[in-house]
PDB file of N, CA and C in Angstrom:
ATOM      1  N   MET A   1       4.293  22.841  -2.778  1.00  0.00           N
ATOM      2  CA  MET A   1       5.209  21.884  -2.184  1.00  0.00           C
ATOM      3  C   MET A   1       4.422  20.635  -1.787  1.00  0.00           C
ATOM      4  N   ALA A   2       4.923  19.488  -2.186  1.00  0.00           N
ATOM      5  CA  ALA A   2       4.265  18.212  -1.901  1.00  0.00           C
ATOM      6  C   ALA A   2       4.629  17.723  -0.500  1.00  0.00           C
ATOM      7  N   SER A   3       3.811  16.842   0.029  1.00  0.00           N
ATOM      8  CA  SER A   3       4.085  16.181   1.297  1.00  0.00           C
ATOM      9  C   SER A   3       4.457  14.729   0.993  1.00  0.00           C
ATOM     10  N   TRP A   4       5.565  14.256   1.551  1.00  0.00           N
ATOM     11  CA  TRP A   4       6.094  12.929   1.246  1.00  0.00           C
ATOM     12  C   TRP A   4       6.150  12.068   2.502  1.00  0.00           C
ATOM     13  N   ILE A   5       5.903  10.766   2.330  1.00  0.00           N
ATOM     14  CA  ILE A   5       6.065   9.780   3.404  1.00  0.00           C
ATOM     15  C   ILE A   5       6.892   8.632   2.831  1.00  0.00           C
ATOM     16  N   LEU A   6       7.928   8.226   3.557  1.00  0.00           N
ATOM     17  CA  LEU A   6       8.748   7.082   3.166  1.00  0.00           C
ATOM     18  C   LEU A   6       8.623   6.012   4.246  1.00  0.00           C
ATOM     19  N   ILE A   7       8.045   4.879   3.876  1.00  0.00           N
ATOM     20  CA  ILE A   7       7.901   3.742   4.783  1.00  0.00           C
ATOM     21  C   ILE A   7       8.966   2.735   4.384  1.00  0.00           C
ATOM     22  N   SER A   8       9.901   2.468   5.289  1.00  0.00           N
ATOM     23  CA  SER A   8      11.081   1.669   4.939  1.00  0.00           C
ATOM     24  C   SER A   8      11.186   0.388   5.748  1.00  0.00           C
ATOM     25  N   GLY A   9      11.866  -0.590   5.148  1.00  0.00           N
ATOM     26  CA  GLY A   9      12.253  -1.800   5.861  1.00  0.00           C
ATOM     27  C   GLY A   9      11.152  -2.805   6.093  1.00  0.00           C
ATOM     28  N   GLY A  10      10.092  -2.740   5.335  1.00  0.00           N
ATOM     29  CA  GLY A  10       8.983  -3.667   5.532  1.00  0.00           C
ATOM     30  C   GLY A  10       8.909  -4.716   4.438  1.00  0.00           C
ATOM     31  N   SER A  11       7.944  -5.589   4.574  1.00  0.00           N
ATOM     32  CA  SER A  11       7.652  -6.579   3.541  1.00  0.00           C
ATOM     33  C   SER A  11       6.437  -6.105   2.761  1.00  0.00           C
ATOM     34  N   VAL A  12       6.524  -6.196   1.441  1.00  0.00           N
ATOM     35  CA  VAL A  12       5.414  -5.783   0.591  1.00  0.00           C
ATOM     36  C   VAL A  12       4.687  -7.029   0.103  1.00  0.00           C
ATOM     37  N   ILE A  13       3.384  -7.056   0.339  1.00  0.00           N
ATOM     38  CA  ILE A  13       2.510  -8.132  -0.130  1.00  0.00           C
ATOM     39  C   ILE A  13       1.614  -7.497  -1.187  1.00  0.00           C
ATOM     40  N   ASP A  14       1.732  -7.958  -2.429  1.00  0.00           N
ATOM     41  CA  ASP A  14       1.019  -7.288  -3.521  1.00  0.00           C
ATOM     42  C   ASP A  14      -0.399  -7.785  -3.753  1.00  0.00           C
ATOM     43  N   GLY A  15      -0.815  -8.821  -3.044  1.00  0.00           N
ATOM     44  CA  GLY A  15      -2.197  -9.285  -3.180  1.00  0.00           C
ATOM     45  C   GLY A  15      -2.433 -10.227  -4.340  1.00  0.00           C
ATOM     46  N   THR A  16      -1.386 -10.620  -5.066  1.00  0.00           N
ATOM     47  CA  THR A  16      -1.552 -11.515  -6.206  1.00  0.00           C
ATOM     48  C   THR A  16      -1.318 -12.976  -5.835  1.00  0.00           C
ATOM     49  N   GLY A  17      -0.864 -13.217  -4.616  1.00  0.00           N
ATOM     50  CA  GLY A  17      -0.508 -14.568  -4.208  1.00  0.00           C
ATOM     51  C   GLY A  17       0.985 -14.822  -4.273  1.00  0.00           C
ATOM     52  N   ALA A  18       1.728 -13.875  -4.817  1.00  0.00           N
ATOM     53  CA  ALA A  18       3.189 -13.998  -4.865  1.00  0.00           C
ATOM     54  C   ALA A  18       3.759 -13.896  -3.448  1.00  0.00           C
ATOM     55  N   GLN A  19       4.956 -14.398  -3.269  1.00  0.00           N
ATOM     56  CA  GLN A  19       5.617 -14.320  -1.971  1.00  0.00           C
ATOM     57  C   GLN A  19       5.883 -12.856  -1.602  1.00  0.00           C
ATOM     58  N   PRO A  20       5.813 -12.525  -0.308  1.00  0.00           N
ATOM     59  CA  PRO A  20       6.151 -11.165   0.119  1.00  0.00           C
ATOM     60  C   PRO A  20       7.597 -10.822  -0.257  1.00  0.00           C
ATOM     61  N   VAL A  21       7.837  -9.563  -0.553  1.00  0.00           N
ATOM     62  CA  VAL A  21       9.179  -9.076  -0.856  1.00  0.00           C
ATOM     63  C   VAL A  21       9.663  -8.309   0.362  1.00  0.00           C
ATOM     64  N   GLY A  22      10.756  -8.773   0.957  1.00  0.00           N
ATOM     65  CA  GLY A  22      11.259  -8.163   2.177  1.00  0.00           C
ATOM     66  C   GLY A  22      12.146  -6.961   1.931  1.00  0.00           C
ATOM     67  N   ASN A  23      12.365  -6.208   2.986  1.00  0.00           N
ATOM     68  CA  ASN A  23      13.250  -5.040   3.002  1.00  0.00           C
ATOM     69  C   ASN A  23      12.885  -4.025   1.921  1.00  0.00           C
ATOM     70  N   CYS A  24      11.596  -3.786   1.764  1.00  0.00           N
ATOM     71  CA  CYS A  24      11.103  -2.844   0.760  1.00  0.00           C
ATOM     72  C   CYS A  24      10.777  -1.499   1.390  1.00  0.00           C
ATOM     73  N   SER A  25      10.670  -0.517   0.529  1.00  0.00           N
ATOM     74  CA  SER A  25      10.219   0.808   0.928  1.00  0.00           C
ATOM     75  C   SER A  25       9.055   1.210   0.040  1.00  0.00           C
ATOM     76  N   VAL A  26       8.196   2.053   0.589  1.00  0.00           N
ATOM     77  CA  VAL A  26       7.065   2.605  -0.147  1.00  0.00           C
ATOM     78  C   VAL A  26       7.162   4.120  -0.013  1.00  0.00           C
ATOM     79  N   LEU A  27       7.153   4.817  -1.141  1.00  0.00           N
ATOM     80  CA  LEU A  27       7.220   6.274  -1.148  1.00  0.00           C
ATOM     81  C   LEU A  27       5.868   6.825  -1.566  1.00  0.00           C
ATOM     82  N   VAL A  28       5.315   7.698  -0.724  1.00  0.00           N
ATOM     83  CA  VAL A  28       3.998   8.283  -0.958  1.00  0.00           C
ATOM     84  C   VAL A  28       4.154   9.789  -1.128  1.00  0.00           C
ATOM     85  N   LYS A  29       3.578  10.315  -2.201  1.00  0.00           N
ATOM     86  CA  LYS A  29       3.559  11.765  -2.443  1.00  0.00           C
ATOM     87  C   LYS A  29       2.123  12.234  -2.299  1.00  0.00           C
ATOM     88  N   ASP A  30       1.908  13.150  -1.377  1.00  0.00           N
ATOM     89  CA  ASP A  30       0.564  13.583  -1.009  1.00  0.00           C
ATOM     90  C   ASP A  30      -0.212  12.325  -0.598  1.00  0.00           C
ATOM     91  N   ASP A  31      -1.205  11.879  -1.331  1.00  0.00           N
ATOM     92  CA  ASP A  31      -1.940  10.661  -0.965  1.00  0.00           C
ATOM     93  C   ASP A  31      -1.801   9.576  -2.014  1.00  0.00           C
ATOM     94  N   GLU A  32      -0.718   9.603  -2.795  1.00  0.00           N
ATOM     95  CA  GLU A  32      -0.543   8.651  -3.891  1.00  0.00           C
ATOM     96  C   GLU A  32       0.787   7.906  -3.759  1.00  0.00           C
ATOM     97  N   ILE A  33       0.734   6.582  -3.871  1.00  0.00           N
ATOM     98  CA  ILE A  33       1.958   5.790  -3.868  1.00  0.00           C
ATOM     99  C   ILE A  33       2.675   6.046  -5.192  1.00  0.00           C
ATOM    100  N   VAL A  34       3.940   6.476  -5.098  1.00  0.00           N
ATOM    101  CA  VAL A  34       4.693   6.788  -6.315  1.00  0.00           C
ATOM    102  C   VAL A  34       5.822   5.798  -6.577  1.00  0.00           C
ATOM    103  N   ALA A  35       6.239   5.041  -5.578  1.00  0.00           N
ATOM    104  CA  ALA A  35       7.308   4.064  -5.789  1.00  0.00           C
ATOM    105  C   ALA A  35       7.257   2.999  -4.703  1.00  0.00           C
ATOM    106  N   VAL A  36       7.567   1.751  -5.109  1.00  0.00           N
ATOM    107  CA  VAL A  36       7.639   0.617  -4.188  1.00  0.00           C
ATOM    108  C   VAL A  36       8.813  -0.244  -4.619  1.00  0.00           C
ATOM    109  N   GLY A  37       9.637  -0.670  -3.677  1.00  0.00           N
ATOM    110  CA  GLY A  37      10.726  -1.575  -4.028  1.00  0.00           C
ATOM    111  C   GLY A  37      11.872  -1.552  -3.055  1.00  0.00           C
ATOM    112  N   VAL A  38      12.837  -2.416  -3.313  1.00  0.00           N
ATOM    113  CA  VAL A  38      14.002  -2.516  -2.426  1.00  0.00           C
ATOM    114  C   VAL A  38      14.985  -1.374  -2.660  1.00  0.00           C
ATOM    115  N   ASP A  39      14.887  -0.705  -3.792  1.00  0.00           N
ATOM    116  CA  ASP A  39      15.826   0.375  -4.097  1.00  0.00           C
ATOM    117  C   ASP A  39      15.186   1.758  -4.008  1.00  0.00           C
ATOM    118  N   VAL A  40      14.031   1.855  -3.342  1.00  0.00           N
ATOM    119  CA  VAL A  40      13.330   3.129  -3.205  1.00  0.00           C
ATOM    120  C   VAL A  40      13.848   3.845  -1.956  1.00  0.00           C
ATOM    121  N   GLY A  41      14.136   5.143  -2.110  1.00  0.00           N
ATOM    122  CA  GLY A  41      14.613   5.932  -0.982  1.00  0.00           C
ATOM    123  C   GLY A  41      14.189   7.376  -1.111  1.00  0.00           C
ATOM    124  N   ASP A  42      14.798   8.214  -0.295  1.00  0.00           N
ATOM    125  CA  ASP A  42      14.405   9.617  -0.278  1.00  0.00           C
ATOM    126  C   ASP A  42      15.037  10.451  -1.387  1.00  0.00           C
ATOM    127  N   GLU A  43      15.863   9.826  -2.227  1.00  0.00           N
ATOM    128  CA  GLU A  43      16.496  10.587  -3.311  1.00  0.00           C
ATOM    129  C   GLU A  43      15.489  11.120  -4.323  1.00  0.00           C
ATOM    130  N   GLU A  44      14.267  10.572  -4.337  1.00  0.00           N
ATOM    131  CA  GLU A  44      13.240  11.045  -5.262  1.00  0.00           C
ATOM    132  C   GLU A  44      12.490  12.266  -4.738  1.00  0.00           C
ATOM    133  N   VAL A  45      12.709  12.601  -3.469  1.00  0.00           N
ATOM    134  CA  VAL A  45      12.016  13.729  -2.849  1.00  0.00           C
ATOM    135  C   VAL A  45      12.802  15.016  -3.137  1.00  0.00           C
ATOM    136  N   PRO A  46      12.151  16.010  -3.750  1.00  0.00           N
ATOM    137  CA  PRO A  46      12.856  17.266  -4.026  1.00  0.00           C
ATOM    138  C   PRO A  46      13.355  17.930  -2.744  1.00  0.00           C
ATOM    139  N   ARG A  47      14.536  18.513  -2.807  1.00  0.00           N
ATOM    140  CA  ARG A  47      15.117  19.203  -1.657  1.00  0.00           C
ATOM    141  C   ARG A  47      14.161  20.291  -1.181  1.00  0.00           C
ATOM    142  N   GLY A  48      13.930  20.322   0.097  1.00  0.00           N
ATOM    143  CA  GLY A  48      13.054  21.331   0.679  1.00  0.00           C
ATOM    144  C   GLY A  48      11.638  20.836   0.933  1.00  0.00           C
ATOM    145  N   ASP A  49      11.209  19.782   0.242  1.00  0.00           N
ATOM    146  CA  ASP A  49       9.878  19.231   0.502  1.00  0.00           C
ATOM    147  C   ASP A  49       9.900  18.454   1.818  1.00  0.00           C
ATOM    148  N   PRO A  50       8.816  18.549   2.609  1.00  0.00           N
ATOM    149  CA  PRO A  50       8.783  17.814   3.876  1.00  0.00           C
ATOM    150  C   PRO A  50       8.714  16.302   3.649  1.00  0.00           C
ATOM    151  N   LEU A  51       9.473  15.552   4.450  1.00  0.00           N
ATOM    152  CA  LEU A  51       9.501  14.091   4.360  1.00  0.00           C
ATOM    153  C   LEU A  51       9.278  13.503   5.740  1.00  0.00           C
ATOM    154  N   THR A  52       8.306  12.598   5.847  1.00  0.00           N
ATOM    155  CA  THR A  52       8.046  11.871   7.077  1.00  0.00           C
ATOM    156  C   THR A  52       8.491  10.441   6.870  1.00  0.00           C
ATOM    157  N   ASN A  53       9.307   9.928   7.786  1.00  0.00           N
ATOM    158  CA  ASN A  53       9.720   8.525   7.727  1.00  0.00           C
ATOM    159  C   ASN A  53       8.755   7.717   8.557  1.00  0.00           C
ATOM    160  N   GLY A  54       8.219   6.639   7.946  1.00  0.00           N
ATOM    161  CA  GLY A  54       7.200   5.840   8.605  1.00  0.00           C
ATOM    162  C   GLY A  54       7.720   4.506   9.082  1.00  0.00           C
ATOM    163  N   GLY A  55       6.794   3.702   9.604  1.00  0.00           N
ATOM    164  CA  GLY A  55       7.113   2.401  10.168  1.00  0.00           C
ATOM    165  C   GLY A  55       7.407   1.351   9.135  1.00  0.00           C
ATOM    166  N   SER A  56       7.327   0.081   9.561  1.00  0.00           N
ATOM    167  CA  SER A  56       7.769  -0.990   8.684  1.00  0.00           C
ATOM    168  C   SER A  56       6.674  -1.930   8.225  1.00  0.00           C
ATOM    169  N   GLU A  57       5.479  -1.857   8.785  1.00  0.00           N
ATOM    170  CA  GLU A  57       4.444  -2.795   8.345  1.00  0.00           C
ATOM    171  C   GLU A  57       3.145  -2.059   8.095  1.00  0.00           C
ATOM    172  N   GLN A  58       2.791  -1.941   6.842  1.00  0.00           N
ATOM    173  CA  GLN A  58       1.557  -1.291   6.425  1.00  0.00           C
ATOM    174  C   GLN A  58       0.821  -2.242   5.505  1.00  0.00           C
ATOM    175  N   GLN A  59      -0.476  -2.326   5.665  1.00  0.00           N
ATOM    176  CA  GLN A  59      -1.254  -3.196   4.784  1.00  0.00           C
ATOM    177  C   GLN A  59      -2.501  -2.454   4.346  1.00  0.00           C
ATOM    178  N   PRO A  60      -2.472  -1.872   3.153  1.00  0.00           N
ATOM    179  CA  PRO A  60      -3.643  -1.151   2.680  1.00  0.00           C
ATOM    180  C   PRO A  60      -4.783  -2.117   2.369  1.00  0.00           C
ATOM    181  N   ASP A  61      -5.973  -1.633   2.516  1.00  0.00           N
ATOM    182  CA  ASP A  61      -7.158  -2.392   2.157  1.00  0.00           C
ATOM    183  C   ASP A  61      -7.203  -2.519   0.641  1.00  0.00           C
ATOM    184  N   ARG A  62      -7.609  -3.670   0.150  1.00  0.00           N
ATOM    185  CA  ARG A  62      -7.707  -3.853  -1.309  1.00  0.00           C
ATOM    186  C   ARG A  62      -8.593  -2.805  -1.954  1.00  0.00           C
ATOM    187  N   ARG A  63      -9.558  -2.280  -1.197  1.00  0.00           N
ATOM    188  CA  ARG A  63     -10.465  -1.275  -1.745  1.00  0.00           C
ATOM    189  C   ARG A  63      -9.723   0.010  -2.120  1.00  0.00           C
ATOM    190  N   ASP A  64      -8.573   0.260  -1.490  1.00  0.00           N
ATOM    191  CA  ASP A  64      -7.813   1.471  -1.778  1.00  0.00           C
ATOM    192  C   ASP A  64      -7.367   1.525  -3.236  1.00  0.00           C
ATOM    193  N   PHE A  65      -7.186   0.379  -3.872  1.00  0.00           N
ATOM    194  CA  PHE A  65      -6.657   0.321  -5.222  1.00  0.00           C
ATOM    195  C   PHE A  65      -7.692  -0.149  -6.241  1.00  0.00           C
ATOM    196  N   ALA A  66      -8.927  -0.300  -5.816  1.00  0.00           N
ATOM    197  CA  ALA A  66      -9.963  -0.864  -6.681  1.00  0.00           C
ATOM    198  C   ALA A  66     -10.854   0.229  -7.266  1.00  0.00           C
ATOM    199  N   SER A  67     -11.415  -0.070  -8.432  1.00  0.00           N
ATOM    200  CA  SER A  67     -12.407   0.831  -9.025  1.00  0.00           C
ATOM    201  C   SER A  67     -13.724   0.638  -8.274  1.00  0.00           C
ATOM    202  N   ASP A  68     -14.713   1.491  -8.561  1.00  0.00           N
ATOM    203  CA  ASP A  68     -16.003   1.381  -7.881  1.00  0.00           C
ATOM    204  C   ASP A  68     -16.635   0.004  -8.100  1.00  0.00           C
ATOM    205  N   GLY A  69     -16.586  -0.498  -9.344  1.00  0.00           N
ATOM    206  CA  GLY A  69     -17.154  -1.815  -9.640  1.00  0.00           C
ATOM    207  C   GLY A  69     -16.421  -2.928  -8.910  1.00  0.00           C
ATOM    208  N   GLU A  70     -15.092  -2.807  -8.838  1.00  0.00           N
ATOM    209  CA  GLU A  70     -14.301  -3.815  -8.123  1.00  0.00           C
ATOM    210  C   GLU A  70     -14.596  -3.768  -6.629  1.00  0.00           C
ATOM    211  N   ARG A  71     -14.813  -2.561  -6.074  1.00  0.00           N
ATOM    212  CA  ARG A  71     -15.142  -2.439  -4.642  1.00  0.00           C
ATOM    213  C   ARG A  71     -16.453  -3.161  -4.333  1.00  0.00           C
ATOM    214  N   GLU A  72     -17.438  -2.983  -5.220  1.00  0.00           N
ATOM    215  CA  GLU A  72     -18.722  -3.654  -5.023  1.00  0.00           C
ATOM    216  C   GLU A  72     -18.542  -5.168  -5.055  1.00  0.00           C
ATOM    217  N   LEU A  73     -17.739  -5.665  -5.982  1.00  0.00           N
ATOM    218  CA  LEU A  73     -17.485  -7.096  -6.079  1.00  0.00           C
ATOM    219  C   LEU A  73     -16.766  -7.604  -4.833  1.00  0.00           C
ATOM    220  N   ILE A  74     -15.766  -6.878  -4.355  1.00  0.00           N
ATOM    221  CA  ILE A  74     -15.052  -7.265  -3.132  1.00  0.00           C
ATOM    222  C   ILE A  74     -16.024  -7.326  -1.961  1.00  0.00           C
ATOM    223  N   ASP A  75     -16.903  -6.320  -1.843  1.00  0.00           N
ATOM    224  CA  ASP A  75     -17.898  -6.315  -0.760  1.00  0.00           C
ATOM    225  C   ASP A  75     -18.813  -7.529  -0.853  1.00  0.00           C
ATOM    226  N   GLU A  76     -19.271  -7.858  -2.057  1.00  0.00           N
ATOM    227  CA  GLU A  76     -20.163  -9.001  -2.244  1.00  0.00           C
ATOM    228  C   GLU A  76     -19.452 -10.312  -1.879  1.00  0.00           C
ATOM    229  N   ILE A  77     -18.214 -10.464  -2.303  1.00  0.00           N
ATOM    230  CA  ILE A  77     -17.455 -11.682  -1.986  1.00  0.00           C
ATOM    231  C   ILE A  77     -17.252 -11.806  -0.485  1.00  0.00           C
ATOM    232  N   GLU A  78     -16.882 -10.706   0.176  1.00  0.00           N
ATOM    233  CA  GLU A  78     -16.668 -10.754   1.621  1.00  0.00           C
ATOM    234  C   GLU A  78     -17.965 -11.040   2.362  1.00  0.00           C
ATOM    235  N   GLU A  79     -19.079 -10.480   1.879  1.00  0.00           N
ATOM    236  CA  GLU A  79     -20.377 -10.738   2.503  1.00  0.00           C
ATOM    237  C   GLU A  79     -20.764 -12.209   2.343  1.00  0.00           C
ATOM    238  N   LEU A  80     -20.584 -12.752   1.157  1.00  0.00           N
ATOM    239  CA  LEU A  80     -20.883 -14.144   0.900  1.00  0.00           C
ATOM    240  C   LEU A  80     -19.981 -15.044   1.750  1.00  0.00           C
ATOM    241  N   SER A  81     -18.722 -14.707   1.839  1.00  0.00           N
ATOM    242  CA  SER A  81     -17.772 -15.479   2.633  1.00  0.00           C
ATOM    243  C   SER A  81     -18.154 -15.468   4.107  1.00  0.00           C
ATOM    244  N   ALA A  82     -18.571 -14.305   4.628  1.00  0.00           N
ATOM    245  CA  ALA A  82     -18.974 -14.208   6.033  1.00  0.00           C
ATOM    246  C   ALA A  82     -20.236 -15.021   6.289  1.00  0.00           C
ATOM    247  N   THR A  83     -21.164 -15.007   5.332  1.00  0.00           N
ATOM    248  CA  THR A  83     -22.411 -15.767   5.469  1.00  0.00           C
ATOM    249  C   THR A  83     -22.104 -17.264   5.460  1.00  0.00           C
ATOM    250  N   THR A  84     -21.213 -17.702   4.574  1.00  0.00           N
ATOM    251  CA  THR A  84     -20.858 -19.109   4.473  1.00  0.00           C
ATOM    252  C   THR A  84     -20.184 -19.595   5.752  1.00  0.00           C
ATOM    253  N   ARG A  85     -19.313 -18.780   6.335  1.00  0.00           N
ATOM    254  CA  ARG A  85     -18.611 -19.159   7.560  1.00  0.00           C
ATOM    255  C   ARG A  85     -19.548 -19.298   8.735  1.00  0.00           C
ATOM    256  N   SER A  86     -20.629 -18.488   8.777  1.00  0.00           N
ATOM    257  CA  SER A  86     -21.512 -18.488   9.926  1.00  0.00           C
ATOM    258  C   SER A  86     -22.558 -19.589   9.861  1.00  0.00           C
ATOM    259  N   GLU A  87     -22.685 -20.254   8.727  1.00  0.00           N
ATOM    260  CA  GLU A  87     -23.695 -21.311   8.598  1.00  0.00           C
ATOM    261  C   GLU A  87     -23.231 -22.610   9.183  1.00  0.00           C
TER     262      GLU A  87
END
């Protein structure tokens, strides 16, 4: 039996520079995002599986969706940015 979390009524920021999309839901199965959008709900959760309803504002770290090489690049950019700001 899977564990499900439904985070409803928030704005989704995809990190591409596009405008946030309001009134969205995010459905998570175990530790994996399985659906995002304005039409996402609990109908995708099998009957009998536990469902937790979550809050409205979540912002995952970009590292959560990055490969190992991308994580290293993100770390380097953030380090360079922090060094530049402090000079």
